[in-house]
Amino acid sequence: MKNLPPEALQQVASYFQTLAEPTRLRILNYLRDGEHNVGELAQLCGYTAANISRHLSLMTQQGLVKRESRGTSVYYSIADESVYALCDLVCGNIVRQYERTARSQQAIFSQE
């Protein structure tokens, strides 16, 4: 990141903006287990197919997912597996922060 030009930094920011939406993270989690079509993802996420399609379109533009047409259906799968390493790193950090906060609160309440 240190030597990237401003245009590249804008692309990095757009990539992170795409990940900064809970529904898209849920979609990524479902795609971790394998490809799905829009209807399947909509049912799994509890949203309309139109809503999921909008998310998938943005995720495709950012190179996170890829699409494959088969007959009348389009199936989505992960285009860049490294997104899982990034998400796992961030999630692990959040879990550690949560655990530290819980231990700190527990210590405070045990002193009372």
Protein backbone atom coordinates (compact mmCIF):
# COMPACT_ATOMS: atom_id res chain seq x y z
CA MET A 1 0.00 0.00 0.00
CA LYS A 2 2.93 2.29 0.75
CA ASN A 3 3.90 2.95 -2.87
CA LEU A 4 0.51 2.79 -4.52
CA PRO A 5 -0.67 5.78 -6.56
CA PRO A 6 -3.89 7.55 -5.51
CA GLU A 7 -5.90 5.75 -8.22
CA ALA A 8 -4.88 2.36 -6.86
CA LEU A 9 -5.68 3.45 -3.30
CA GLN A 10 -9.16 4.37 -4.53
CA GLN A 11 -9.57 0.83 -5.87
CA VAL A 12 -8.40 -0.58 -2.52
CA ALA A 13 -10.96 1.59 -0.73
CA SER A 14 -13.71 0.39 -3.08
CA TYR A 15 -12.74 -3.23 -2.40
CA PHE A 16 -13.01 -2.67 1.36
CA GLN A 17 -16.30 -0.80 0.91
CA THR A 18 -17.67 -3.86 -0.83
CA LEU A 19 -16.70 -5.98 2.17
CA ALA A 20 -18.17 -3.43 4.61
CA GLU A 21 -21.72 -4.74 4.23
CA PRO A 22 -23.05 -7.61 6.37
CA THR A 23 -25.19 -9.14 3.60
CA ARG A 24 -22.17 -9.40 1.32
CA LEU A 25 -20.18 -11.06 4.09
CA ARG A 26 -23.00 -13.56 4.54
CA ILE A 27 -22.96 -14.26 0.81
CA LEU A 28 -19.21 -14.86 0.98
CA ASN A 29 -19.74 -17.29 3.84
CA TYR A 30 -22.33 -19.25 1.86
CA LEU A 31 -20.08 -19.31 -1.21
CA ARG A 32 -17.27 -20.71 0.93
CA ASP A 33 -19.13 -24.02 0.83
CA GLY A 34 -19.55 -23.94 -2.95
CA GLU A 35 -21.36 -22.22 -5.76
CA HIS A 36 -24.96 -21.06 -5.53
CA ASN A 37 -27.46 -19.35 -7.76
CA VAL A 38 -29.27 -16.13 -6.85
CA GLY A 39 -32.42 -17.91 -5.69
CA GLU A 40 -30.48 -20.18 -3.36
CA LEU A 41 -28.53 -17.27 -1.90
CA ALA A 42 -31.72 -15.23 -1.48
CA GLN A 43 -33.33 -18.07 0.44
CA LEU A 44 -30.24 -18.62 2.60
CA CYS A 45 -29.91 -14.91 3.39
CA GLY A 46 -33.61 -14.23 3.78
CA TYR A 47 -33.72 -11.45 1.18
CA THR A 48 -35.27 -11.02 -2.24
CA ALA A 49 -33.50 -12.27 -5.33
CA ALA A 50 -33.34 -8.68 -6.62
CA ASN A 51 -31.54 -7.56 -3.46
CA ILE A 52 -29.04 -10.41 -3.64
CA SER A 53 -28.50 -9.77 -7.38
CA ARG A 54 -27.49 -6.17 -6.64
CA HIS A 55 -24.97 -7.33 -4.05
CA LEU A 56 -23.59 -10.00 -6.37
CA SER A 57 -23.25 -7.49 -9.20
CA LEU A 58 -21.08 -5.23 -7.06
CA MET A 59 -19.07 -8.19 -5.76
CA THR A 60 -18.49 -9.33 -9.35
CA GLN A 61 -17.30 -5.85 -10.35
CA GLN A 62 -14.78 -5.91 -7.50
CA GLY A 63 -13.52 -9.34 -8.51
CA LEU A 64 -14.72 -11.12 -5.37
CA VAL A 65 -17.10 -13.49 -7.12
CA LYS A 66 -17.44 -14.87 -10.61
CA ARG A 67 -20.56 -15.90 -12.45
CA GLU A 68 -21.27 -18.78 -14.79
CA SER A 69 -24.42 -19.10 -16.87
CA ARG A 70 -25.96 -22.56 -17.14
CA GLY A 71 -29.17 -22.67 -19.09
CA THR A 72 -31.54 -20.22 -17.46
CA SER A 73 -29.59 -20.01 -14.19
CA VAL A 74 -26.47 -18.12 -13.22
CA TYR A 75 -24.22 -19.63 -10.60
CA TYR A 76 -21.85 -17.63 -8.46
CA SER A 77 -18.62 -18.77 -6.88
CA ILE A 78 -15.58 -17.18 -5.29
CA ALA A 79 -13.21 -15.56 -7.75
CA ASP A 80 -10.51 -14.66 -5.23
CA GLU A 81 -9.99 -17.15 -2.40
CA SER A 82 -7.64 -14.71 -0.64
CA VAL A 83 -10.70 -12.77 0.54
CA TYR A 84 -11.25 -15.53 3.10
CA ALA A 85 -7.75 -15.09 4.54
CA LEU A 86 -8.42 -11.37 4.85
CA CYS A 87 -11.83 -11.89 6.47
CA ASP A 88 -10.49 -14.58 8.81
CA LEU A 89 -7.70 -12.24 9.89
CA VAL A 90 -10.13 -9.42 10.65
CA CYS A 91 -12.65 -11.72 12.34
CA GLY A 92 -9.92 -13.26 14.49
CA ASN A 93 -8.87 -9.80 15.61
CA ILE A 94 -12.46 -8.88 16.49
CA VAL A 95 -12.89 -12.10 18.49
CA ARG A 96 -9.70 -11.32 20.45
CA GLN A 97 -10.95 -7.79 21.17
CA TYR A 98 -14.30 -9.16 22.33
CA GLU A 99 -12.56 -11.67 24.61
CA ARG A 100 -10.35 -8.96 26.12
CA THR A 101 -13.38 -6.77 26.77
CA ALA A 102 -15.30 -9.66 28.32
CA ARG A 103 -12.36 -10.54 30.60
CA SER A 104 -11.99 -6.91 31.61
CA GLN A 105 -15.70 -6.59 32.42
CA GLN A 106 -15.61 -9.86 34.32
CA ALA A 107 -12.68 -8.63 36.40
CA ILE A 108 -14.55 -5.40 37.22
CA PHE A 109 -17.71 -7.24 38.30
CA SER A 110 -15.80 -9.80 40.36
CA GLN A 111 -14.23 -6.98 42.41
CA GLU A 112 -17.61 -5.64 43.48
